[in-house]
């Protein structure tokens, strides 16, 4: 998954403004207790981050 697709999915589920805010503020245990931005900046693959986001948001399996 490319970053552009990752952010498209984030915006699709959370809205453009809230997706950015949520990604900066929400600490996710599956990502080593980091935010989305921290995980991506540390080199985590967008697909791994997306799956962690799906778990937190309780999105259906077909969104993964």
C-alpha atoms as a PDB file:
ATOM      1  CA  UNK A   1       0.000   0.000   0.000  1.00  0.00           C
ATOM      2  CA  UNK A   2       1.292   3.448  -0.891  1.00  0.00           C
ATOM      3  CA  UNK A   3       0.998   6.415   1.425  1.00  0.00           C
ATOM      4  CA  UNK A   4      -1.459   8.075  -0.941  1.00  0.00           C
ATOM      5  CA  UNK A   5      -3.824   5.124  -0.649  1.00  0.00           C
ATOM      6  CA  UNK A   6      -3.345   5.024   3.119  1.00  0.00           C
ATOM      7  CA  UNK A   7      -4.338   8.682   3.496  1.00  0.00           C
ATOM      8  CA  UNK A   8      -7.226   8.281   1.043  1.00  0.00           C
ATOM      9  CA  UNK A   9      -8.592   5.479   3.243  1.00  0.00           C
ATOM     10  CA  UNK A  10      -8.074   7.506   6.413  1.00  0.00           C
ATOM     11  CA  UNK A  11      -9.957  10.457   4.927  1.00  0.00           C
ATOM     12  CA  UNK A  12     -12.694   8.199   3.600  1.00  0.00           C
ATOM     13  CA  UNK A  13     -13.405   6.819   7.071  1.00  0.00           C
ATOM     14  CA  UNK A  14     -12.699   9.832   9.266  1.00  0.00           C
ATOM     15  CA  UNK A  15     -13.071  12.863   7.028  1.00  0.00           C
ATOM     16  CA  UNK A  16     -10.183  14.998   5.786  1.00  0.00           C
ATOM     17  CA  UNK A  17      -9.676  17.235   8.811  1.00  0.00           C
ATOM     18  CA  UNK A  18     -10.360  14.641  11.478  1.00  0.00           C
ATOM     19  CA  UNK A  19      -8.129  12.016   9.824  1.00  0.00           C
ATOM     20  CA  UNK A  20      -5.104  14.267  10.226  1.00  0.00           C
ATOM     21  CA  UNK A  21      -5.944  15.168  13.816  1.00  0.00           C
ATOM     22  CA  UNK A  22      -6.690  11.560  14.749  1.00  0.00           C
ATOM     23  CA  UNK A  23      -3.425  10.394  13.180  1.00  0.00           C
ATOM     24  CA  UNK A  24      -1.491  12.915  15.267  1.00  0.00           C
ATOM     25  CA  UNK A  25      -3.254  12.269  18.581  1.00  0.00           C
ATOM     26  CA  UNK A  26      -4.383   8.636  18.750  1.00  0.00           C
ATOM     27  CA  UNK A  27      -1.744   6.399  20.337  1.00  0.00           C
ATOM     28  CA  UNK A  28      -2.068   2.831  19.072  1.00  0.00           C
ATOM     29  CA  UNK A  29      -0.667  -0.041  21.122  1.00  0.00           C
ATOM     30  CA  UNK A  30      -0.190  -2.284  18.078  1.00  0.00           C
ATOM     31  CA  UNK A  31       2.179   0.330  16.697  1.00  0.00           C
ATOM     32  CA  UNK A  32       4.408   0.284  19.748  1.00  0.00           C
ATOM     33  CA  UNK A  33       2.312   2.897  21.549  1.00  0.00           C
ATOM     34  CA  UNK A  34       2.929   5.390  18.757  1.00  0.00           C
ATOM     35  CA  UNK A  35       0.644   7.575  16.704  1.00  0.00           C
ATOM     36  CA  UNK A  36       0.079   6.978  13.008  1.00  0.00           C
ATOM     37  CA  UNK A  37       2.504   9.774  12.149  1.00  0.00           C
ATOM     38  CA  UNK A  38       5.160   8.471  14.529  1.00  0.00           C
ATOM     39  CA  UNK A  39       4.871   4.953  13.141  1.00  0.00           C
ATOM     40  CA  UNK A  40       5.054   6.104   9.529  1.00  0.00           C
ATOM     41  CA  UNK A  41       7.969   8.446  10.295  1.00  0.00           C
ATOM     42  CA  UNK A  42       9.787   5.527  11.932  1.00  0.00           C
ATOM     43  CA  UNK A  43       9.497   3.571   8.681  1.00  0.00           C
ATOM     44  CA  UNK A  44       6.549   1.313   9.450  1.00  0.00           C
ATOM     45  CA  UNK A  45       4.811   0.076   6.314  1.00  0.00           C
ATOM     46  CA  UNK A  46       1.544   1.900   5.577  1.00  0.00           C
ATOM     47  CA  UNK A  47      -0.290  -1.448   5.288  1.00  0.00           C
ATOM     48  CA  UNK A  48       0.790  -2.408   8.825  1.00  0.00           C
ATOM     49  CA  UNK A  49      -0.341   0.983  10.119  1.00  0.00           C
ATOM     50  CA  UNK A  50      -3.618   0.682   8.232  1.00  0.00           C
ATOM     51  CA  UNK A  51      -4.362  -2.712   9.791  1.00  0.00           C
ATOM     52  CA  UNK A  52      -3.744  -1.257  13.252  1.00  0.00           C
ATOM     53  CA  UNK A  53      -6.068   1.652  12.427  1.00  0.00           C
ATOM     54  CA  UNK A  54      -8.718  -0.834  11.260  1.00  0.00           C
ATOM     55  CA  UNK A  55      -8.479  -2.654  14.594  1.00  0.00           C
ATOM     56  CA  UNK A  56      -8.856   0.543  16.616  1.00  0.00           C
ATOM     57  CA  UNK A  57     -11.751   1.808  14.498  1.00  0.00           C
ATOM     58  CA  UNK A  58     -13.283  -1.678  14.396  1.00  0.00           C
ATOM     59  CA  UNK A  59     -13.620  -1.554  10.626  1.00  0.00           C
ATOM     60  CA  UNK A  60     -14.919  -4.669   8.856  1.00  0.00           C
ATOM     61  CA  UNK A  61     -12.485  -7.224   7.466  1.00  0.00           C
ATOM     62  CA  UNK A  62     -13.193  -6.162   3.874  1.00  0.00           C
ATOM     63  CA  UNK A  63     -11.570  -2.773   4.624  1.00  0.00           C
ATOM     64  CA  UNK A  64      -8.194  -4.317   5.364  1.00  0.00           C
END
